[in-house]
Amino acid sequence: MIDAVGNPQSLLLLGGTSEIALATAARYAARRPLRVVLAGRPSPRLDKAAARLDRLGATVTPLPFDAADTDTHPATIEKAFADGDIDLTLVAFGLLGDQEKAWTDHAAAVELAQVNYVGAVSVGVLLADALKRQGHGTLVALSSAAAERPRRSNFCYGSTKAGLDSFYTGLTEALRPSGIKVCVIRPGFVHTKMTAGMKPAPLSVTPEQVAEVIMDAVAQNREQAWAPSPLRYIMSALRHVPRPIFRRLPI
């Protein structure tokens, strides 16, 4: 169970090599003994992530997981819960991709949608059922500020995150009667390997800063949070800017 100050005893990371997910797990592991199910594609990166958490004192169980292979998701989620209840699940997988290729190359566009949206919905349905059966738990989904309004620079990625965001926001309401908590996190530009070489946007953050936002949201039972928090007000304003003006903005 998650304790009175928001610390879980068990954590499922779907997207086990995500820098945000690992930063979150590392901070929780520093606070109390933690069991981590680390779900991702078998790779040296996943092995390295497991070793990092093991050094911090966490009990780590690697679990093969492919976000794009939805046929395997039911068995994967079943295995994730096989060793006991999961207090906190973090849906942290995703692709950014080449945004110009994404709208001109059919395979690239389908892969982006399959991982970021279809995969996220697939595990969301399964996690909702698993958490309801165990009777408690919190589900955190990593969305993006890009979900708020389509932009020429990243509309393919943003559209997939908009779908994810809408699904998990709705899941928040659907699970409310059962007592299961759902939280949607909307980071802006995050300094990770995925964004290496890109020009940072204003109010950019690190994975560690996003991890702090996640942990605070879980502790406070928030249903959504922005990273950083002032981004909420900026995106709220941008949502209402007329399109002829919006398309001229350097974003």
C-alpha atoms as a PDB file:
ATOM      1  CA  MET A   1       0.000   0.000   0.000  1.00  0.00           C
ATOM      2  CA  ILE A   2       1.039   3.613  -0.532  1.00  0.00           C
ATOM      3  CA  ASP A   3       1.895   5.054   2.873  1.00  0.00           C
ATOM      4  CA  ALA A   4       0.581   8.259   4.461  1.00  0.00           C
ATOM      5  CA  VAL A   5       3.212  10.421   2.777  1.00  0.00           C
ATOM      6  CA  GLY A   6       2.762   8.932  -0.688  1.00  0.00           C
ATOM      7  CA  ASN A   7       5.520   6.301  -0.864  1.00  0.00           C
ATOM      8  CA  PRO A   8       4.642   2.980  -2.528  1.00  0.00           C
ATOM      9  CA  GLN A   9       5.985  -0.429  -1.552  1.00  0.00           C
ATOM     10  CA  SER A  10       5.744  -1.741  -5.112  1.00  0.00           C
ATOM     11  CA  LEU A  11       6.163  -0.060  -8.464  1.00  0.00           C
ATOM     12  CA  LEU A  12       5.498  -1.192 -12.055  1.00  0.00           C
ATOM     13  CA  LEU A  13       7.400   0.738 -14.711  1.00  0.00           C
ATOM     14  CA  LEU A  14       6.007   0.197 -18.206  1.00  0.00           C
ATOM     15  CA  GLY A  15       8.843   1.681 -20.196  1.00  0.00           C
ATOM     16  CA  GLY A  16      11.664   0.408 -18.038  1.00  0.00           C
ATOM     17  CA  THR A  17      14.390   2.425 -19.745  1.00  0.00           C
ATOM     18  CA  SER A  18      12.527   5.729 -19.534  1.00  0.00           C
ATOM     19  CA  GLU A  19      14.747   8.283 -17.843  1.00  0.00           C
ATOM     20  CA  ILE A  20      11.736   9.852 -16.139  1.00  0.00           C
ATOM     21  CA  ALA A  21      10.497   6.475 -14.884  1.00  0.00           C
ATOM     22  CA  LEU A  22      13.931   5.529 -13.573  1.00  0.00           C
ATOM     23  CA  ALA A  23      14.410   8.878 -11.845  1.00  0.00           C
ATOM     24  CA  THR A  24      11.053   8.351 -10.141  1.00  0.00           C
ATOM     25  CA  ALA A  25      11.924   4.816  -9.050  1.00  0.00           C
ATOM     26  CA  ALA A  26      15.317   5.926  -7.743  1.00  0.00           C
ATOM     27  CA  ARG A  27      13.732   8.582  -5.543  1.00  0.00           C
ATOM     28  CA  TYR A  28      11.179   6.186  -4.127  1.00  0.00           C
ATOM     29  CA  ALA A  29      13.877   3.564  -3.506  1.00  0.00           C
ATOM     30  CA  ALA A  30      15.849   6.091  -1.478  1.00  0.00           C
ATOM     31  CA  ARG A  31      12.885   6.552   0.881  1.00  0.00           C
ATOM     32  CA  ARG A  32      11.880   2.972   1.745  1.00  0.00           C
ATOM     33  CA  PRO A  33      12.337  -0.664   0.646  1.00  0.00           C
ATOM     34  CA  LEU A  34      10.833  -0.944  -2.828  1.00  0.00           C
ATOM     35  CA  ARG A  35       9.862  -3.784  -5.158  1.00  0.00           C
ATOM     36  CA  VAL A  36      10.130  -2.745  -8.808  1.00  0.00           C
ATOM     37  CA  VAL A  37       8.783  -4.596 -11.839  1.00  0.00           C
ATOM     38  CA  LEU A  38      10.846  -3.196 -14.690  1.00  0.00           C
ATOM     39  CA  ALA A  39       8.992  -3.802 -17.955  1.00  0.00           C
ATOM     40  CA  GLY A  40      10.696  -3.145 -21.269  1.00  0.00           C
ATOM     41  CA  ARG A  41      12.332  -4.695 -24.281  1.00  0.00           C
ATOM     42  CA  PRO A  42      15.238  -6.932 -23.209  1.00  0.00           C
ATOM     43  CA  SER A  43      18.402  -4.979 -23.926  1.00  0.00           C
ATOM     44  CA  PRO A  44      21.659  -3.827 -22.339  1.00  0.00           C
ATOM     45  CA  ARG A  45      19.844  -0.579 -21.440  1.00  0.00           C
ATOM     46  CA  LEU A  46      17.204  -2.480 -19.484  1.00  0.00           C
ATOM     47  CA  ASP A  47      19.919  -4.521 -17.746  1.00  0.00           C
ATOM     48  CA  LYS A  48      21.731  -1.314 -16.830  1.00  0.00           C
ATOM     49  CA  ALA A  49      18.520   0.207 -15.469  1.00  0.00           C
ATOM     50  CA  ALA A  50      17.869  -2.878 -13.325  1.00  0.00           C
ATOM     51  CA  ALA A  51      21.427  -2.790 -11.973  1.00  0.00           C
ATOM     52  CA  ARG A  52      21.079   0.891 -11.086  1.00  0.00           C
ATOM     53  CA  LEU A  53      17.932   0.281  -9.042  1.00  0.00           C
ATOM     54  CA  ASP A  54      19.455  -2.815  -7.446  1.00  0.00           C
ATOM     55  CA  ARG A  55      22.392  -0.724  -6.208  1.00  0.00           C
ATOM     56  CA  LEU A  56      19.871   1.601  -4.558  1.00  0.00           C
ATOM     57  CA  GLY A  57      18.455  -1.317  -2.600  1.00  0.00           C
ATOM     58  CA  ALA A  58      15.346  -2.026  -4.650  1.00  0.00           C
ATOM     59  CA  THR A  59      14.223  -5.583  -5.390  1.00  0.00           C
ATOM     60  CA  VAL A  60      14.014  -5.594  -9.177  1.00  0.00           C
ATOM     61  CA  THR A  61      12.161  -8.004 -11.469  1.00  0.00           C
ATOM     62  CA  PRO A  62      12.804  -7.409 -15.195  1.00  0.00           C
ATOM     63  CA  LEU A  63       9.813  -8.194 -17.401  1.00  0.00           C
ATOM     64  CA  PRO A  64       9.837  -8.389 -21.218  1.00  0.00           C
ATOM     65  CA  PHE A  65       7.414  -5.832 -22.638  1.00  0.00           C
ATOM     66  CA  ASP A  66       6.838  -4.503 -26.154  1.00  0.00           C
ATOM     67  CA  ALA A  67       4.456  -1.544 -26.276  1.00  0.00           C
ATOM     68  CA  ALA A  68       3.686  -2.151 -29.946  1.00  0.00           C
ATOM     69  CA  ASP A  69       2.814  -5.850 -29.533  1.00  0.00           C
ATOM     70  CA  THR A  70      -0.614  -5.505 -27.952  1.00  0.00           C
ATOM     71  CA  ASP A  71      -1.364  -9.241 -28.272  1.00  0.00           C
ATOM     72  CA  THR A  72       1.235  -9.900 -25.567  1.00  0.00           C
ATOM     73  CA  HIS A  73      -0.052  -7.251 -23.154  1.00  0.00           C
ATOM     74  CA  PRO A  74      -2.602  -9.378 -21.250  1.00  0.00           C
ATOM     75  CA  ALA A  75       0.047 -11.964 -20.331  1.00  0.00           C
ATOM     76  CA  THR A  76       2.574  -9.243 -19.492  1.00  0.00           C
ATOM     77  CA  ILE A  77       0.257  -7.437 -17.091  1.00  0.00           C
ATOM     78  CA  GLU A  78      -0.749 -10.740 -15.506  1.00  0.00           C
ATOM     79  CA  LYS A  79       2.919 -11.546 -14.873  1.00  0.00           C
ATOM     80  CA  ALA A  80       3.522  -8.069 -13.457  1.00  0.00           C
ATOM     81  CA  PHE A  81       0.931  -8.692 -10.739  1.00  0.00           C
ATOM     82  CA  ALA A  82       1.833 -12.365 -10.173  1.00  0.00           C
ATOM     83  CA  ASP A  83       4.180 -11.716  -7.234  1.00  0.00           C
ATOM     84  CA  GLY A  84       1.809  -9.470  -5.305  1.00  0.00           C
ATOM     85  CA  ASP A  85      -0.081  -6.207  -5.403  1.00  0.00           C
ATOM     86  CA  ILE A  86       1.271  -3.220  -7.317  1.00  0.00           C
ATOM     87  CA  ASP A  87       0.836   0.072  -5.482  1.00  0.00           C
ATOM     88  CA  LEU A  88       1.904   2.405  -8.267  1.00  0.00           C
ATOM     89  CA  THR A  89       2.064   1.908 -12.027  1.00  0.00           C
ATOM     90  CA  LEU A  90       3.838   4.354 -14.313  1.00  0.00           C
ATOM     91  CA  VAL A  91       2.975   4.261 -18.029  1.00  0.00           C
ATOM     92  CA  ALA A  92       6.149   5.852 -19.324  1.00  0.00           C
ATOM     93  CA  PHE A  93       6.907   4.360 -22.744  1.00  0.00           C
ATOM     94  CA  GLY A  94       6.729   6.407 -25.922  1.00  0.00           C
ATOM     95  CA  LEU A  95       8.348   7.442 -29.177  1.00  0.00           C
ATOM     96  CA  LEU A  96       9.198  10.941 -30.351  1.00  0.00           C
ATOM     97  CA  GLY A  97      10.461  10.106 -33.807  1.00  0.00           C
ATOM     98  CA  ASP A  98      11.359  12.332 -36.730  1.00  0.00           C
ATOM     99  CA  GLN A  99       8.415  14.693 -36.981  1.00  0.00           C
ATOM    100  CA  GLU A 100       8.837  15.447 -40.682  1.00  0.00           C
ATOM    101  CA  LYS A 101       9.099  11.754 -41.480  1.00  0.00           C
ATOM    102  CA  ALA A 102       6.111  11.009 -39.271  1.00  0.00           C
ATOM    103  CA  TRP A 103       3.642  12.800 -41.542  1.00  0.00           C
ATOM    104  CA  THR A 104       5.219  11.784 -44.848  1.00  0.00           C
ATOM    105  CA  ASP A 105       6.157   8.152 -44.184  1.00  0.00           C
ATOM    106  CA  HIS A 106       3.300   5.712 -43.625  1.00  0.00           C
ATOM    107  CA  ALA A 107       5.266   3.194 -41.563  1.00  0.00           C
ATOM    108  CA  ALA A 108       6.702   5.891 -39.298  1.00  0.00           C
ATOM    109  CA  ALA A 109       3.280   7.417 -38.671  1.00  0.00           C
ATOM    110  CA  VAL A 110       1.696   4.054 -37.865  1.00  0.00           C
ATOM    111  CA  GLU A 111       4.530   3.090 -35.502  1.00  0.00           C
ATOM    112  CA  LEU A 112       4.197   6.378 -33.619  1.00  0.00           C
ATOM    113  CA  ALA A 113       0.447   5.918 -33.209  1.00  0.00           C
ATOM    114  CA  GLN A 114       0.766   2.226 -32.368  1.00  0.00           C
ATOM    115  CA  VAL A 115       3.220   2.789 -29.511  1.00  0.00           C
ATOM    116  CA  ASN A 116       2.125   6.128 -28.090  1.00  0.00           C
ATOM    117  CA  TYR A 117      -1.632   5.719 -28.339  1.00  0.00           C
ATOM    118  CA  VAL A 118      -2.722   2.144 -29.106  1.00  0.00           C
ATOM    119  CA  GLY A 119      -0.147   0.644 -26.747  1.00  0.00           C
ATOM    120  CA  ALA A 120      -1.059   3.083 -23.990  1.00  0.00           C
ATOM    121  CA  VAL A 121      -4.779   2.335 -24.316  1.00  0.00           C
ATOM    122  CA  SER A 122      -4.076  -1.397 -24.397  1.00  0.00           C
ATOM    123  CA  VAL A 123      -2.209  -1.425 -21.092  1.00  0.00           C
ATOM    124  CA  GLY A 124      -4.594   1.114 -19.586  1.00  0.00           C
ATOM    125  CA  VAL A 125      -7.568  -1.210 -20.016  1.00  0.00           C
ATOM    126  CA  LEU A 126      -5.627  -4.125 -18.527  1.00  0.00           C
ATOM    127  CA  LEU A 127      -4.234  -2.110 -15.629  1.00  0.00           C
ATOM    128  CA  ALA A 128      -7.664  -0.743 -14.768  1.00  0.00           C
ATOM    129  CA  ASP A 129      -8.968  -4.293 -14.448  1.00  0.00           C
ATOM    130  CA  ALA A 130      -5.969  -5.502 -12.431  1.00  0.00           C
ATOM    131  CA  LEU A 131      -6.112  -2.576 -10.021  1.00  0.00           C
ATOM    132  CA  LYS A 132      -9.856  -2.944  -9.508  1.00  0.00           C
ATOM    133  CA  ARG A 133      -9.386  -6.631  -8.704  1.00  0.00           C
ATOM    134  CA  GLN A 134      -6.699  -5.922  -6.113  1.00  0.00           C
ATOM    135  CA  GLY A 135      -8.806  -3.120  -4.648  1.00  0.00           C
ATOM    136  CA  HIS A 136      -6.259  -0.299  -4.510  1.00  0.00           C
ATOM    137  CA  GLY A 137      -3.505   1.414  -6.457  1.00  0.00           C
ATOM    138  CA  THR A 138      -2.479   4.492  -8.394  1.00  0.00           C
ATOM    139  CA  LEU A 139      -1.923   4.715 -12.138  1.00  0.00           C
ATOM    140  CA  VAL A 140       0.255   7.502 -13.558  1.00  0.00           C
ATOM    141  CA  ALA A 141       0.396   8.178 -17.301  1.00  0.00           C
ATOM    142  CA  LEU A 142       3.015  10.380 -18.913  1.00  0.00           C
ATOM    143  CA  SER A 143       1.321  12.676 -21.402  1.00  0.00           C
ATOM    144  CA  SER A 144       2.894  15.847 -22.803  1.00  0.00           C
ATOM    145  CA  ALA A 145       2.300  19.551 -23.152  1.00  0.00           C
ATOM    146  CA  ALA A 146       2.257  18.748 -26.882  1.00  0.00           C
ATOM    147  CA  ALA A 147      -1.154  17.144 -26.325  1.00  0.00           C
ATOM    148  CA  GLU A 148      -2.748  20.526 -25.635  1.00  0.00           C
ATOM    149  CA  ARG A 149      -2.779  21.990 -29.141  1.00  0.00           C
ATOM    150  CA  PRO A 150      -1.486  20.771 -32.540  1.00  0.00           C
ATOM    151  CA  ARG A 151       1.654  22.541 -33.718  1.00  0.00           C
ATOM    152  CA  ARG A 152       3.292  22.346 -37.130  1.00  0.00           C
ATOM    153  CA  SER A 153       6.577  21.290 -35.556  1.00  0.00           C
ATOM    154  CA  ASN A 154       5.296  18.148 -33.817  1.00  0.00           C
ATOM    155  CA  PHE A 155       1.637  17.559 -34.645  1.00  0.00           C
ATOM    156  CA  CYS A 156       2.047  13.813 -35.265  1.00  0.00           C
ATOM    157  CA  TYR A 157       3.612  13.235 -31.857  1.00  0.00           C
ATOM    158  CA  GLY A 158       1.209  15.681 -30.241  1.00  0.00           C
ATOM    159  CA  SER A 159      -1.815  13.920 -31.721  1.00  0.00           C
ATOM    160  CA  THR A 160      -0.773  10.602 -30.194  1.00  0.00           C
ATOM    161  CA  LYS A 161      -0.256  12.206 -26.810  1.00  0.00           C
ATOM    162  CA  ALA A 162      -3.614  13.984 -27.114  1.00  0.00           C
ATOM    163  CA  GLY A 163      -5.259  10.598 -27.543  1.00  0.00           C
ATOM    164  CA  LEU A 164      -3.399   9.141 -24.580  1.00  0.00           C
ATOM    165  CA  ASP A 165      -4.248  12.187 -22.475  1.00  0.00           C
ATOM    166  CA  SER A 166      -7.938  11.977 -23.295  1.00  0.00           C
ATOM    167  CA  PHE A 167      -8.083   8.245 -22.558  1.00  0.00           C
ATOM    168  CA  TYR A 168      -6.410   8.454 -19.153  1.00  0.00           C
ATOM    169  CA  THR A 169      -8.342  11.587 -18.201  1.00  0.00           C
ATOM    170  CA  GLY A 170     -11.534   9.661 -18.914  1.00  0.00           C
ATOM    171  CA  LEU A 171     -10.182   6.629 -17.064  1.00  0.00           C
ATOM    172  CA  THR A 172      -9.787   8.879 -14.022  1.00  0.00           C
ATOM    173  CA  GLU A 173     -13.551   9.320 -13.941  1.00  0.00           C
ATOM    174  CA  ALA A 174     -14.378   5.721 -14.810  1.00  0.00           C
ATOM    175  CA  LEU A 175     -12.266   4.362 -11.928  1.00  0.00           C
ATOM    176  CA  ARG A 176     -13.304   6.947  -9.366  1.00  0.00           C
ATOM    177  CA  PRO A 177     -16.119   4.811  -7.854  1.00  0.00           C
ATOM    178  CA  SER A 178     -13.653   1.945  -7.282  1.00  0.00           C
ATOM    179  CA  GLY A 179     -11.177   4.139  -5.394  1.00  0.00           C
ATOM    180  CA  ILE A 180      -8.393   3.618  -7.951  1.00  0.00           C
ATOM    181  CA  LYS A 181      -6.410   6.822  -8.536  1.00  0.00           C
ATOM    182  CA  VAL A 182      -5.311   7.968 -11.982  1.00  0.00           C
ATOM    183  CA  CYS A 183      -2.992  10.900 -12.637  1.00  0.00           C
ATOM    184  CA  VAL A 184      -2.001  12.415 -15.984  1.00  0.00           C
ATOM    185  CA  ILE A 185       1.394  14.162 -16.018  1.00  0.00           C
ATOM    186  CA  ARG A 186       2.074  16.731 -18.749  1.00  0.00           C
ATOM    187  CA  PRO A 187       5.775  17.583 -19.050  1.00  0.00           C
ATOM    188  CA  GLY A 188       7.089  20.186 -21.420  1.00  0.00           C
ATOM    189  CA  PHE A 189      10.524  19.810 -22.987  1.00  0.00           C
ATOM    190  CA  VAL A 190      12.551  17.275 -20.990  1.00  0.00           C
ATOM    191  CA  HIS A 191      16.335  16.934 -21.298  1.00  0.00           C
ATOM    192  CA  THR A 192      16.718  13.224 -22.140  1.00  0.00           C
ATOM    193  CA  LYS A 193      18.502  11.057 -24.665  1.00  0.00           C
ATOM    194  CA  MET A 194      15.330  11.229 -26.770  1.00  0.00           C
ATOM    195  CA  THR A 195      15.589  15.027 -27.077  1.00  0.00           C
ATOM    196  CA  ALA A 196      19.398  15.215 -27.348  1.00  0.00           C
ATOM    197  CA  GLY A 197      20.436  17.640 -30.060  1.00  0.00           C
ATOM    198  CA  MET A 198      17.106  19.465 -30.096  1.00  0.00           C
ATOM    199  CA  LYS A 199      16.786  23.120 -29.156  1.00  0.00           C
ATOM    200  CA  PRO A 200      15.341  23.286 -25.618  1.00  0.00           C
ATOM    201  CA  ALA A 201      12.004  25.005 -25.267  1.00  0.00           C
ATOM    202  CA  PRO A 202      11.335  27.591 -22.543  1.00  0.00           C
ATOM    203  CA  LEU A 203      10.703  26.085 -19.098  1.00  0.00           C
ATOM    204  CA  SER A 204      12.551  22.899 -20.020  1.00  0.00           C
ATOM    205  CA  VAL A 205      13.078  20.389 -17.211  1.00  0.00           C
ATOM    206  CA  THR A 206      15.180  17.362 -16.306  1.00  0.00           C
ATOM    207  CA  PRO A 207      13.889  13.823 -15.667  1.00  0.00           C
ATOM    208  CA  GLU A 208      14.600  14.351 -11.980  1.00  0.00           C
ATOM    209  CA  GLN A 209      12.377  17.436 -11.902  1.00  0.00           C
ATOM    210  CA  VAL A 210       9.550  15.534 -13.596  1.00  0.00           C
ATOM    211  CA  ALA A 211      10.031  12.740 -11.051  1.00  0.00           C
ATOM    212  CA  GLU A 212       9.489  15.239  -8.248  1.00  0.00           C
ATOM    213  CA  VAL A 213       6.266  16.422  -9.898  1.00  0.00           C
ATOM    214  CA  ILE A 214       5.063  12.809 -10.194  1.00  0.00           C
ATOM    215  CA  MET A 215       5.816  12.035  -6.570  1.00  0.00           C
ATOM    216  CA  ASP A 216       4.102  15.191  -5.337  1.00  0.00           C
ATOM    217  CA  ALA A 217       1.031  14.444  -7.486  1.00  0.00           C
ATOM    218  CA  VAL A 218       0.814  10.897  -6.105  1.00  0.00           C
ATOM    219  CA  ALA A 219       1.212  12.091  -2.514  1.00  0.00           C
ATOM    220  CA  GLN A 220      -1.455  14.771  -2.962  1.00  0.00           C
ATOM    221  CA  ASN A 221      -3.845  12.513  -4.940  1.00  0.00           C
ATOM    222  CA  ARG A 222      -3.832  14.956  -7.849  1.00  0.00           C
ATOM    223  CA  GLU A 223      -5.501  13.903 -11.082  1.00  0.00           C
ATOM    224  CA  GLN A 224      -3.215  15.950 -13.312  1.00  0.00           C
ATOM    225  CA  ALA A 225       0.002  17.884 -13.014  1.00  0.00           C
ATOM    226  CA  TRP A 226       2.317  19.899 -15.237  1.00  0.00           C
ATOM    227  CA  ALA A 227       6.107  19.816 -15.283  1.00  0.00           C
ATOM    228  CA  PRO A 228       6.949  22.549 -14.547  1.00  0.00           C
ATOM    229  CA  SER A 229       3.729  23.823 -12.997  1.00  0.00           C
ATOM    230  CA  PRO A 230       3.748  27.292 -14.696  1.00  0.00           C
ATOM    231  CA  LEU A 231       3.405  25.500 -18.037  1.00  0.00           C
ATOM    232  CA  ARG A 232      -0.239  24.923 -17.205  1.00  0.00           C
ATOM    233  CA  TYR A 233      -1.051  28.616 -17.454  1.00  0.00           C
ATOM    234  CA  ILE A 234       1.012  29.143 -20.593  1.00  0.00           C
ATOM    235  CA  MET A 235      -0.685  26.294 -22.448  1.00  0.00           C
ATOM    236  CA  SER A 236      -4.097  27.414 -21.208  1.00  0.00           C
ATOM    237  CA  ALA A 237      -3.481  30.785 -22.806  1.00  0.00           C
ATOM    238  CA  LEU A 238      -2.089  29.311 -26.024  1.00  0.00           C
ATOM    239  CA  ARG A 239      -5.152  27.097 -26.364  1.00  0.00           C
ATOM    240  CA  HIS A 240      -7.255  30.209 -27.015  1.00  0.00           C
ATOM    241  CA  VAL A 241      -4.907  32.063 -29.373  1.00  0.00           C
ATOM    242  CA  PRO A 242      -6.556  32.431 -32.836  1.00  0.00           C
ATOM    243  CA  ARG A 243      -5.059  30.094 -35.436  1.00  0.00           C
ATOM    244  CA  PRO A 244      -3.717  32.837 -37.761  1.00  0.00           C
ATOM    245  CA  ILE A 245      -1.700  34.213 -34.823  1.00  0.00           C
ATOM    246  CA  PHE A 246      -0.812  30.826 -33.351  1.00  0.00           C
ATOM    247  CA  ARG A 247       0.812  29.599 -36.562  1.00  0.00           C
ATOM    248  CA  ARG A 248       3.182  32.574 -36.486  1.00  0.00           C
ATOM    249  CA  LEU A 249       4.443  31.855 -32.982  1.00  0.00           C
ATOM    250  CA  PRO A 250       8.007  30.450 -32.768  1.00  0.00           C
ATOM    251  CA  ILE A 251       6.967  27.213 -31.056  1.00  0.00           C
END
